[in-house]
C-alpha atoms as a PDB file:
ATOM      1  CA  MET A   1     -11.821 -52.832 -17.816  1.00  0.00           C
ATOM      2  CA  ILE A   2     -15.307 -51.470 -18.566  1.00  0.00           C
ATOM      3  CA  CYS A   3     -18.006 -52.420 -16.123  1.00  0.00           C
ATOM      4  CA  HIS A   4     -21.224 -53.114 -18.039  1.00  0.00           C
ATOM      5  CA  SER A   5     -23.385 -54.200 -15.136  1.00  0.00           C
ATOM      6  CA  LEU A   6     -23.624 -52.358 -11.832  1.00  0.00           C
ATOM      7  CA  SER A   7     -25.888 -53.127  -8.912  1.00  0.00           C
ATOM      8  CA  SER A   8     -28.482 -50.558  -7.893  1.00  0.00           C
ATOM      9  CA  SER A   9     -26.817 -50.183  -4.479  1.00  0.00           C
ATOM     10  CA  THR A  10     -23.491 -49.370  -6.148  1.00  0.00           C
ATOM     11  CA  LEU A  11     -25.159 -46.881  -8.459  1.00  0.00           C
ATOM     12  CA  ALA A  12     -26.933 -45.260  -5.538  1.00  0.00           C
ATOM     13  CA  THR A  13     -23.632 -44.928  -3.693  1.00  0.00           C
ATOM     14  CA  VAL A  14     -21.952 -43.323  -6.700  1.00  0.00           C
ATOM     15  CA  VAL A  15     -24.776 -40.901  -7.473  1.00  0.00           C
ATOM     16  CA  ALA A  16     -24.962 -39.809  -3.821  1.00  0.00           C
ATOM     17  CA  GLN A  17     -21.271 -38.776  -3.691  1.00  0.00           C
ATOM     18  CA  PRO A  18     -20.039 -35.176  -3.937  1.00  0.00           C
ATOM     19  CA  PRO A  19     -19.136 -34.115  -7.494  1.00  0.00           C
ATOM     20  CA  GLU A  20     -15.364 -34.472  -7.127  1.00  0.00           C
ATOM     21  CA  ILE A  21     -15.586 -37.956  -5.580  1.00  0.00           C
ATOM     22  CA  LYS A  22     -18.246 -39.020  -8.084  1.00  0.00           C
ATOM     23  CA  LYS A  23     -15.983 -37.917 -10.932  1.00  0.00           C
ATOM     24  CA  TYR A  24     -13.139 -40.003  -9.537  1.00  0.00           C
ATOM     25  CA  TYR A  25     -15.369 -43.079  -9.276  1.00  0.00           C
ATOM     26  CA  LEU A  26     -16.688 -42.694 -12.783  1.00  0.00           C
ATOM     27  CA  THR A  27     -13.367 -41.872 -14.397  1.00  0.00           C
ATOM     28  CA  HIS A  28     -10.857 -44.101 -12.609  1.00  0.00           C
ATOM     29  CA  ILE A  29     -12.733 -47.020 -11.124  1.00  0.00           C
ATOM     30  CA  PHE A  30     -15.649 -47.876 -13.390  1.00  0.00           C
ATOM     31  CA  SER A  31     -14.331 -46.440 -16.693  1.00  0.00           C
ATOM     32  CA  TYR A  32     -18.028 -46.112 -17.446  1.00  0.00           C
ATOM     33  CA  ASN A  33     -19.911 -43.339 -19.192  1.00  0.00           C
ATOM     34  CA  ARG A  34     -21.178 -40.876 -16.557  1.00  0.00           C
ATOM     35  CA  THR A  35     -24.404 -40.088 -18.327  1.00  0.00           C
ATOM     36  CA  GLN A  36     -25.258 -43.739 -18.789  1.00  0.00           C
ATOM     37  CA  ILE A  37     -24.759 -44.530 -15.108  1.00  0.00           C
ATOM     38  CA  ILE A  38     -27.100 -41.757 -14.032  1.00  0.00           C
ATOM     39  CA  VAL A  39     -29.673 -42.752 -16.643  1.00  0.00           C
ATOM     40  CA  ASP A  40     -29.510 -46.402 -15.547  1.00  0.00           C
ATOM     41  CA  TYR A  41     -29.994 -45.409 -11.941  1.00  0.00           C
ATOM     42  CA  LEU A  42     -32.853 -42.989 -12.628  1.00  0.00           C
ATOM     43  CA  GLU A  43     -34.651 -45.506 -14.828  1.00  0.00           C
ATOM     44  CA  GLY A  44     -34.480 -48.031 -12.022  1.00  0.00           C
ATOM     45  CA  ILE A  45     -35.996 -45.616  -9.547  1.00  0.00           C
ATOM     46  CA  MET A  46     -38.232 -43.284 -11.564  1.00  0.00           C
ATOM     47  CA  GLY A  47     -39.268 -45.645 -14.330  1.00  0.00           C
ATOM     48  CA  LYS A  48     -41.631 -47.322 -11.898  1.00  0.00           C
ATOM     49  CA  ILE A  49     -45.298 -46.507 -11.492  1.00  0.00           C
ATOM     50  CA  ILE A  50     -45.336 -43.386  -9.349  1.00  0.00           C
ATOM     51  CA  ARG A  51     -49.063 -43.305  -8.632  1.00  0.00           C
ATOM     52  CA  PRO A  52     -50.322 -46.882  -8.715  1.00  0.00           C
ATOM     53  CA  THR A  53     -54.010 -47.464  -9.147  1.00  0.00           C
ATOM     54  CA  TYR A  54     -56.109 -49.690  -6.901  1.00  0.00           C
ATOM     55  CA  PRO A  55     -55.483 -53.441  -6.889  1.00  0.00           C
ATOM     56  CA  VAL A  56     -56.760 -55.078 -10.063  1.00  0.00           C
ATOM     57  CA  GLU A  57     -59.323 -57.154  -8.165  1.00  0.00           C
ATOM     58  CA  PHE A  58     -60.787 -54.058  -6.511  1.00  0.00           C
ATOM     59  CA  SER A  59     -60.817 -52.070  -9.769  1.00  0.00           C
ATOM     60  CA  VAL A  60     -62.503 -54.851 -11.739  1.00  0.00           C
ATOM     61  CA  GLY A  61     -64.987 -55.443  -8.918  1.00  0.00           C
ATOM     62  CA  LEU A  62     -65.883 -51.750  -8.846  1.00  0.00           C
ATOM     63  CA  LEU A  63     -66.392 -51.705 -12.630  1.00  0.00           C
ATOM     64  CA  ILE A  64     -68.641 -54.769 -12.403  1.00  0.00           C
ATOM     65  CA  LEU A  65     -70.668 -53.102  -9.640  1.00  0.00           C
ATOM     66  CA  ILE A  66     -71.080 -49.945 -11.751  1.00  0.00           C
ATOM     67  CA  PHE A  67     -72.101 -52.065 -14.743  1.00  0.00           C
ATOM     68  CA  VAL A  68     -74.721 -53.984 -12.753  1.00  0.00           C
ATOM     69  CA  LEU A  69     -76.198 -50.826 -11.225  1.00  0.00           C
ATOM     70  CA  SER A  70     -76.256 -49.118 -14.622  1.00  0.00           C
ATOM     71  CA  PHE A  71     -77.894 -52.186 -16.164  1.00  0.00           C
ATOM     72  CA  PHE A  72     -80.843 -52.119 -13.776  1.00  0.00           C
ATOM     73  CA  LEU A  73     -81.193 -48.320 -13.713  1.00  0.00           C
ATOM     74  CA  SER A  74     -81.109 -48.114 -17.508  1.00  0.00           C
ATOM     75  CA  SER A  75     -84.364 -50.081 -17.669  1.00  0.00           C
ATOM     76  CA  GLN A  76     -86.072 -46.718 -17.003  1.00  0.00           C
ATOM     77  CA  LEU A  77     -84.994 -45.561 -20.449  1.00  0.00           C
ATOM     78  CA  PHE A  78     -87.142 -48.109 -22.265  1.00  0.00           C
ATOM     79  CA  HIS A  79     -90.886 -48.481 -22.691  1.00  0.00           C
ATOM     80  CA  THR A  80     -91.045 -51.759 -20.866  1.00  0.00           C
ATOM     81  CA  HIS A  81     -92.246 -53.154 -17.528  1.00  0.00           C
ATOM     82  CA  TRP A  82     -90.444 -55.169 -14.908  1.00  0.00           C
ATOM     83  CA  ARG A  83     -92.867 -58.030 -15.469  1.00  0.00           C
ATOM     84  CA  GLU A  84     -91.841 -58.216 -19.115  1.00  0.00           C
ATOM     85  CA  LEU A  85     -88.197 -58.097 -18.109  1.00  0.00           C
ATOM     86  CA  MET A  86     -88.652 -60.828 -15.497  1.00  0.00           C
ATOM     87  CA  GLU A  87     -90.570 -63.014 -17.923  1.00  0.00           C
ATOM     88  CA  GLY A  88     -87.998 -62.435 -20.652  1.00  0.00           C
ATOM     89  CA  THR A  89     -90.575 -61.175 -23.129  1.00  0.00           C
ATOM     90  CA  SER A  90     -88.932 -57.741 -23.555  1.00  0.00           C
ATOM     91  CA  ASN A  91     -86.223 -56.957 -26.095  1.00  0.00           C
ATOM     92  CA  ALA A  92     -84.823 -54.186 -23.883  1.00  0.00           C
ATOM     93  CA  TYR A  93     -82.101 -56.384 -22.375  1.00  0.00           C
ATOM     94  CA  PHE A  94     -79.678 -55.754 -25.212  1.00  0.00           C
ATOM     95  CA  GLY A  95     -80.343 -52.019 -25.049  1.00  0.00           C
ATOM     96  CA  MET A  96     -79.740 -52.045 -21.290  1.00  0.00           C
ATOM     97  CA  PHE A  97     -76.492 -53.909 -21.873  1.00  0.00           C
ATOM     98  CA  LEU A  98     -75.354 -51.294 -24.410  1.00  0.00           C
ATOM     99  CA  ILE A  99     -76.234 -48.356 -22.137  1.00  0.00           C
ATOM    100  CA  SER A 100     -74.343 -50.013 -19.280  1.00  0.00           C
ATOM    101  CA  ALA A 101     -71.348 -50.492 -21.577  1.00  0.00           C
ATOM    102  CA  ALA A 102     -71.469 -46.785 -22.441  1.00  0.00           C
ATOM    103  CA  VAL A 103     -71.407 -45.935 -18.718  1.00  0.00           C
ATOM    104  CA  ILE A 104     -68.358 -48.176 -18.210  1.00  0.00           C
ATOM    105  CA  ILE A 105     -66.591 -46.506 -21.136  1.00  0.00           C
ATOM    106  CA  MET A 106     -67.306 -43.096 -19.588  1.00  0.00           C
ATOM    107  CA  VAL A 107     -65.850 -44.304 -16.281  1.00  0.00           C
ATOM    108  CA  LEU A 108     -62.704 -45.579 -18.018  1.00  0.00           C
ATOM    109  CA  VAL A 109     -62.213 -42.230 -19.753  1.00  0.00           C
ATOM    110  CA  LEU A 110     -62.534 -40.412 -16.416  1.00  0.00           C
ATOM    111  CA  TRP A 111     -60.636 -43.000 -14.367  1.00  0.00           C
ATOM    112  CA  GLU A 112     -57.571 -42.844 -16.586  1.00  0.00           C
ATOM    113  CA  GLU A 113     -55.195 -44.474 -14.090  1.00  0.00           C
ATOM    114  CA  PHE A 114     -56.995 -47.784 -14.705  1.00  0.00           C
ATOM    115  CA  LEU A 115     -55.808 -47.944 -18.318  1.00  0.00           C
ATOM    116  CA  PHE A 116     -52.823 -45.605 -18.071  1.00  0.00           C
ATOM    117  CA  PRO A 117     -50.699 -46.016 -14.916  1.00  0.00           C
ATOM    118  CA  ILE A 118     -48.556 -42.925 -14.409  1.00  0.00           C
ATOM    119  CA  ARG A 119     -44.850 -43.517 -15.116  1.00  0.00           C
ATOM    120  CA  ILE A 120     -41.746 -41.389 -15.457  1.00  0.00           C
ATOM    121  CA  LYS A 121     -39.079 -42.247 -18.008  1.00  0.00           C
ATOM    122  CA  PRO A 122     -35.945 -40.119 -17.657  1.00  0.00           C
ATOM    123  CA  GLY A 123     -33.911 -39.012 -20.645  1.00  0.00           C
ATOM    124  CA  LYS A 124     -30.148 -38.813 -20.939  1.00  0.00           C
ATOM    125  CA  ASP A 125     -29.931 -35.231 -19.722  1.00  0.00           C
ATOM    126  CA  GLY A 126     -32.715 -35.123 -17.147  1.00  0.00           C
ATOM    127  CA  VAL A 127     -36.359 -35.878 -16.535  1.00  0.00           C
ATOM    128  CA  THR A 128     -39.358 -34.622 -18.520  1.00  0.00           C
ATOM    129  CA  PHE A 129     -42.772 -34.528 -16.862  1.00  0.00           C
ATOM    130  CA  ARG A 130     -45.716 -34.478 -19.273  1.00  0.00           C
ATOM    131  CA  ASN A 131     -49.084 -36.105 -19.817  1.00  0.00           C
ATOM    132  CA  HIS A 132     -49.051 -39.254 -21.925  1.00  0.00           C
ATOM    133  CA  ARG A 133     -49.883 -38.245 -25.501  1.00  0.00           C
ATOM    134  CA  THR A 134     -50.988 -41.730 -26.535  1.00  0.00           C
ATOM    135  CA  LYS A 135     -53.381 -41.659 -23.591  1.00  0.00           C
ATOM    136  CA  LEU A 136     -55.338 -38.725 -25.015  1.00  0.00           C
ATOM    137  CA  LYS A 137     -55.600 -40.294 -28.467  1.00  0.00           C
ATOM    138  CA  THR A 138     -56.823 -43.566 -26.942  1.00  0.00           C
ATOM    139  CA  GLN A 139     -59.315 -41.721 -24.735  1.00  0.00           C
ATOM    140  CA  LEU A 140     -60.716 -39.876 -27.758  1.00  0.00           C
ATOM    141  CA  LEU A 141     -61.036 -43.129 -29.688  1.00  0.00           C
ATOM    142  CA  ILE A 142     -62.783 -44.853 -26.778  1.00  0.00           C
ATOM    143  CA  TYR A 143     -65.021 -41.842 -26.186  1.00  0.00           C
ATOM    144  CA  CYS A 144     -66.357 -41.987 -29.762  1.00  0.00           C
ATOM    145  CA  ILE A 145     -67.971 -45.330 -28.890  1.00  0.00           C
ATOM    146  CA  ILE A 146     -70.328 -43.629 -26.400  1.00  0.00           C
ATOM    147  CA  PRO A 147     -72.349 -41.453 -28.844  1.00  0.00           C
ATOM    148  CA  ALA A 148     -72.357 -44.365 -31.309  1.00  0.00           C
ATOM    149  CA  ILE A 149     -74.000 -46.582 -28.673  1.00  0.00           C
ATOM    150  CA  PHE A 150     -76.645 -43.997 -27.808  1.00  0.00           C
ATOM    151  CA  ALA A 151     -77.411 -43.388 -31.478  1.00  0.00           C
ATOM    152  CA  PHE A 152     -77.816 -47.130 -32.081  1.00  0.00           C
ATOM    153  CA  VAL A 153     -80.105 -47.524 -29.060  1.00  0.00           C
ATOM    154  CA  TYR A 154     -82.196 -44.512 -30.062  1.00  0.00           C
ATOM    155  CA  PHE A 155     -82.870 -45.813 -33.574  1.00  0.00           C
ATOM    156  CA  ASN A 156     -83.444 -49.447 -32.614  1.00  0.00           C
ATOM    157  CA  PHE A 157     -85.373 -49.344 -29.334  1.00  0.00           C
ATOM    158  CA  ASP A 158     -88.499 -47.697 -28.008  1.00  0.00           C
ATOM    159  CA  VAL A 159     -87.131 -45.238 -25.443  1.00  0.00           C
ATOM    160  CA  HIS A 160     -88.381 -42.535 -23.077  1.00  0.00           C
ATOM    161  CA  ILE A 161     -87.058 -39.460 -24.856  1.00  0.00           C
ATOM    162  CA  VAL A 162     -86.492 -37.185 -21.833  1.00  0.00           C
ATOM    163  CA  ARG A 163     -84.782 -39.849 -19.710  1.00  0.00           C
ATOM    164  CA  PHE A 164     -82.751 -41.034 -22.671  1.00  0.00           C
ATOM    165  CA  ILE A 165     -81.523 -37.504 -23.455  1.00  0.00           C
ATOM    166  CA  ILE A 166     -80.505 -36.960 -19.811  1.00  0.00           C
ATOM    167  CA  TRP A 167     -78.467 -40.173 -19.776  1.00  0.00           C
ATOM    168  CA  ALA A 168     -76.925 -39.370 -23.158  1.00  0.00           C
ATOM    169  CA  ILE A 169     -75.885 -35.893 -22.017  1.00  0.00           C
ATOM    170  CA  LEU A 170     -74.394 -37.208 -18.765  1.00  0.00           C
ATOM    171  CA  CYS A 171     -72.370 -39.883 -20.525  1.00  0.00           C
ATOM    172  CA  THR A 172     -71.137 -37.726 -23.401  1.00  0.00           C
ATOM    173  CA  VAL A 173     -70.668 -34.277 -21.838  1.00  0.00           C
ATOM    174  CA  ILE A 174     -68.974 -35.225 -18.546  1.00  0.00           C
ATOM    175  CA  PRO A 175     -65.917 -36.922 -20.130  1.00  0.00           C
ATOM    176  CA  VAL A 176     -65.541 -34.056 -22.599  1.00  0.00           C
ATOM    177  CA  ALA A 177     -65.864 -31.341 -19.964  1.00  0.00           C
ATOM    178  CA  ILE A 178     -63.641 -32.971 -17.353  1.00  0.00           C
ATOM    179  CA  LYS A 179     -60.921 -34.820 -19.249  1.00  0.00           C
ATOM    180  CA  LEU A 180     -60.816 -34.474 -22.999  1.00  0.00           C
ATOM    181  CA  VAL A 181     -60.995 -30.683 -23.359  1.00  0.00           C
ATOM    182  CA  SER A 182     -58.367 -30.110 -20.679  1.00  0.00           C
ATOM    183  CA  GLY A 183     -56.234 -32.900 -22.166  1.00  0.00           C
ATOM    184  CA  ILE A 184     -56.313 -31.291 -25.613  1.00  0.00           C
ATOM    185  CA  ASN A 185     -55.599 -27.907 -24.034  1.00  0.00           C
ATOM    186  CA  ASN A 186     -52.494 -29.226 -22.293  1.00  0.00           C
ATOM    187  CA  TYR A 187     -51.403 -31.630 -25.026  1.00  0.00           C
ATOM    188  CA  ASN A 188     -47.971 -30.029 -25.518  1.00  0.00           C
ATOM    189  CA  ASP A 189     -47.341 -28.922 -21.929  1.00  0.00           C
ATOM    190  CA  PHE A 190     -44.267 -30.245 -20.150  1.00  0.00           C
ATOM    191  CA  LEU A 191     -41.707 -29.538 -17.453  1.00  0.00           C
ATOM    192  CA  LYS A 192     -38.112 -30.597 -18.088  1.00  0.00           C
ATOM    193  CA  LEU A 193     -35.604 -30.628 -15.247  1.00  0.00           C
ATOM    194  CA  THR A 194     -31.909 -31.186 -15.971  1.00  0.00           C
ATOM    195  CA  ASP A 195     -28.581 -30.496 -14.326  1.00  0.00           C
ATOM    196  CA  ASN A 196     -28.146 -27.432 -16.542  1.00  0.00           C
ATOM    197  CA  ALA A 197     -31.578 -25.873 -17.033  1.00  0.00           C
ATOM    198  CA  ILE A 198     -35.284 -25.793 -16.268  1.00  0.00           C
ATOM    199  CA  GLU A 199     -37.566 -25.761 -19.300  1.00  0.00           C
ATOM    200  CA  TYR A 200     -41.348 -25.619 -19.409  1.00  0.00           C
ATOM    201  CA  LYS A 201     -44.356 -25.045 -21.659  1.00  0.00           C
ATOM    202  CA  ASN A 202     -47.789 -24.137 -20.333  1.00  0.00           C
ATOM    203  CA  ASN A 203     -50.159 -23.434 -23.228  1.00  0.00           C
ATOM    204  CA  GLN A 204     -48.903 -20.112 -24.640  1.00  0.00           C
ATOM    205  CA  LYS A 205     -46.328 -19.648 -21.891  1.00  0.00           C
ATOM    206  CA  SER A 206     -42.892 -21.197 -22.257  1.00  0.00           C
ATOM    207  CA  GLY A 207     -39.326 -20.634 -21.191  1.00  0.00           C
ATOM    208  CA  VAL A 208     -35.856 -22.053 -20.660  1.00  0.00           C
ATOM    209  CA  PHE A 209     -33.863 -21.030 -17.591  1.00  0.00           C
ATOM    210  CA  ALA A 210     -30.203 -21.936 -17.316  1.00  0.00           C
ATOM    211  CA  LEU A 211     -29.375 -22.856 -13.719  1.00  0.00           C
ATOM    212  CA  LYS A 212     -26.506 -20.357 -13.672  1.00  0.00           C
ATOM    213  CA  GLU A 213     -29.034 -17.571 -14.375  1.00  0.00           C
ATOM    214  CA  ILE A 214     -31.472 -18.606 -11.638  1.00  0.00           C
ATOM    215  CA  GLN A 215     -31.038 -16.695  -8.391  1.00  0.00           C
ATOM    216  CA  ARG A 216     -33.733 -18.444  -6.389  1.00  0.00           C
ATOM    217  CA  LEU A 217     -36.370 -21.172  -6.630  1.00  0.00           C
ATOM    218  CA  THR A 218     -39.465 -20.917  -4.431  1.00  0.00           C
ATOM    219  CA  LEU A 219     -41.724 -23.927  -3.975  1.00  0.00           C
ATOM    220  CA  ILE A 220     -45.329 -22.845  -3.418  1.00  0.00           C
ATOM    221  CA  ARG A 221     -47.288 -25.422  -1.437  1.00  0.00           C
ATOM    222  CA  ASP A 222     -50.762 -25.736   0.040  1.00  0.00           C
ATOM    223  CA  GLU A 223     -51.684 -26.260   3.677  1.00  0.00           C
ATOM    224  CA  ARG A 224     -51.001 -30.004   3.284  1.00  0.00           C
ATOM    225  CA  ASN A 225     -47.449 -29.233   2.120  1.00  0.00           C
ATOM    226  CA  VAL A 226     -48.246 -30.407  -1.424  1.00  0.00           C
ATOM    227  CA  LEU A 227     -46.350 -28.628  -4.185  1.00  0.00           C
ATOM    228  CA  HIS A 228     -48.484 -26.710  -6.735  1.00  0.00           C
ATOM    229  CA  LYS A 229     -46.298 -23.964  -8.203  1.00  0.00           C
ATOM    230  CA  VAL A 230     -42.627 -23.195  -8.695  1.00  0.00           C
ATOM    231  CA  GLN A 231     -41.439 -19.591  -8.727  1.00  0.00           C
ATOM    232  CA  VAL A 232     -38.274 -19.043 -10.754  1.00  0.00           C
ATOM    233  CA  SER A 233     -36.421 -15.821  -9.888  1.00  0.00           C
ATOM    234  CA  THR A 234     -33.696 -14.424 -12.145  1.00  0.00           C
ATOM    235  CA  ASN A 235     -32.114 -10.989 -12.306  1.00  0.00           C
ATOM    236  CA  LYS A 236     -34.673 -10.112 -15.021  1.00  0.00           C
ATOM    237  CA  GLU A 237     -37.975 -11.564 -13.801  1.00  0.00           C
ATOM    238  CA  ASN A 238     -39.962 -13.605 -11.308  1.00  0.00           C
ATOM    239  CA  LEU A 239     -41.957 -16.250 -13.139  1.00  0.00           C
ATOM    240  CA  ILE A 240     -44.383 -18.803 -11.717  1.00  0.00           C
ATOM    241  CA  ILE A 241     -44.683 -22.267 -13.276  1.00  0.00           C
ATOM    242  CA  ASP A 242     -48.204 -23.455 -12.440  1.00  0.00           C
ATOM    243  CA  LEU A 243     -48.132 -27.260 -12.236  1.00  0.00           C
ATOM    244  CA  ASP A 244     -51.905 -27.440 -11.739  1.00  0.00           C
ATOM    245  CA  GLU A 245     -52.601 -25.532 -14.958  1.00  0.00           C
ATOM    246  CA  MET A 246     -50.264 -27.936 -16.777  1.00  0.00           C
ATOM    247  CA  GLU A 247     -52.181 -30.877 -15.256  1.00  0.00           C
ATOM    248  CA  LEU A 248     -49.042 -32.398 -13.777  1.00  0.00           C
ATOM    249  CA  ASP A 249     -50.765 -33.234 -10.497  1.00  0.00           C
ATOM    250  CA  ALA A 250     -49.811 -36.902 -10.880  1.00  0.00           C
ATOM    251  CA  PHE A 251     -46.126 -35.921 -10.784  1.00  0.00           C
ATOM    252  CA  LEU A 252     -46.170 -33.406  -7.930  1.00  0.00           C
ATOM    253  CA  ASP A 253     -44.317 -35.606  -5.440  1.00  0.00           C
ATOM    254  CA  SER A 254     -41.679 -36.615  -7.978  1.00  0.00           C
ATOM    255  CA  ILE A 255     -41.146 -33.015  -9.114  1.00  0.00           C
ATOM    256  CA  ASP A 256     -40.837 -31.937  -5.489  1.00  0.00           C
ATOM    257  CA  GLN A 257     -38.265 -34.649  -4.748  1.00  0.00           C
ATOM    258  CA  PHE A 258     -36.239 -33.899  -7.872  1.00  0.00           C
ATOM    259  CA  ILE A 259     -36.090 -30.155  -7.204  1.00  0.00           C
ATOM    260  CA  THR A 260     -35.227 -30.475  -3.513  1.00  0.00           C
ATOM    261  CA  SER A 261     -32.481 -33.011  -4.233  1.00  0.00           C
ATOM    262  CA  HIS A 262     -30.956 -31.447  -7.374  1.00  0.00           C
ATOM    263  CA  TYR A 263     -31.499 -27.709  -6.856  1.00  0.00           C
ATOM    264  CA  LYS A 264     -31.257 -27.405  -3.071  1.00  0.00           C
ATOM    265  CA  THR A 265     -28.698 -24.585  -3.292  1.00  0.00           C
ATOM    266  CA  LEU A 266     -31.227 -22.492  -5.214  1.00  0.00           C
ATOM    267  CA  LEU A 267     -34.193 -23.053  -2.907  1.00  0.00           C
ATOM    268  CA  ALA A 268     -35.480 -20.102  -0.945  1.00  0.00           C
END
C-alpha cells in the first residue's frame, strides 16, 4: 500500500538513517518515491522564512516615524515659512507629502526584507540558493517612482534649488549604488547543492563539480565563525566560491548547515 501522507517526525527519522537502512524503509515499508519524500521533508524545513524581518508592528511603526521626520524636514526644500505652514496658507504640504513618500520608497528599496522575506524552496534534486529575480524587477519598478516624484515637485512647487538637488541625489543615487546595480550584476548568480554535484555561477565565473571528483571542501569563515567562502579542491584545481560576491549573505547559515550535513566526509 502506498503511503501518501507522512508526518514530519517520520520523515525526519527516515532521512536521518544511514543509506542502507533508509533504502529499506523507502523500498519495503513506505513503497513511496524516495525523491518525493526528501523533497517533502526539505520543503517543510527549508521552505520557511530563513531570515525573518522585524515584527510587522515594529516595521510599520519605523516607516511611519521615517515618514513623519521626512515630512517636517522636507519643509526646508520649499520657499515657505513655518507661520504659513501653521496657518495653513501654504501649498507646500502636498509637496512635503510627496517628498516624504519618495523617502519611504527609497527605504523600501534598501530594506528589501520588508517586502521580500528570504525563503528557500528546494528542488527535486537539491537546493538552489539565489537572489529572488522578481524582487529586482519590483525594486526597479518601485524605484522609478522616486525620480518621477522629484520631477513633479520641481515643476509644480517653488523650491530651494540647492537643497532640492541634495535631497534628490540622496534619494535616487543611494538605492542605485547600494542595491540595484549590485542586484543587476548578480542577477544570474546561484549556488546549487545536490547529492551528486555542486554547481555555481558568479558573474563570469561558473562551474559544475561532481562530488566524486571533489577531494576536499574547505569552509572559509570570519572571526565570528560565519561562512563567507567555500574552497573546492579537485585533482585539477583549487577554486574558491565567494558567497559574498554572489550576494548570498542571506543564505549563509543555510548553506553552512547543508554542506556540513550533506558533505561532511569531504570537509577539511
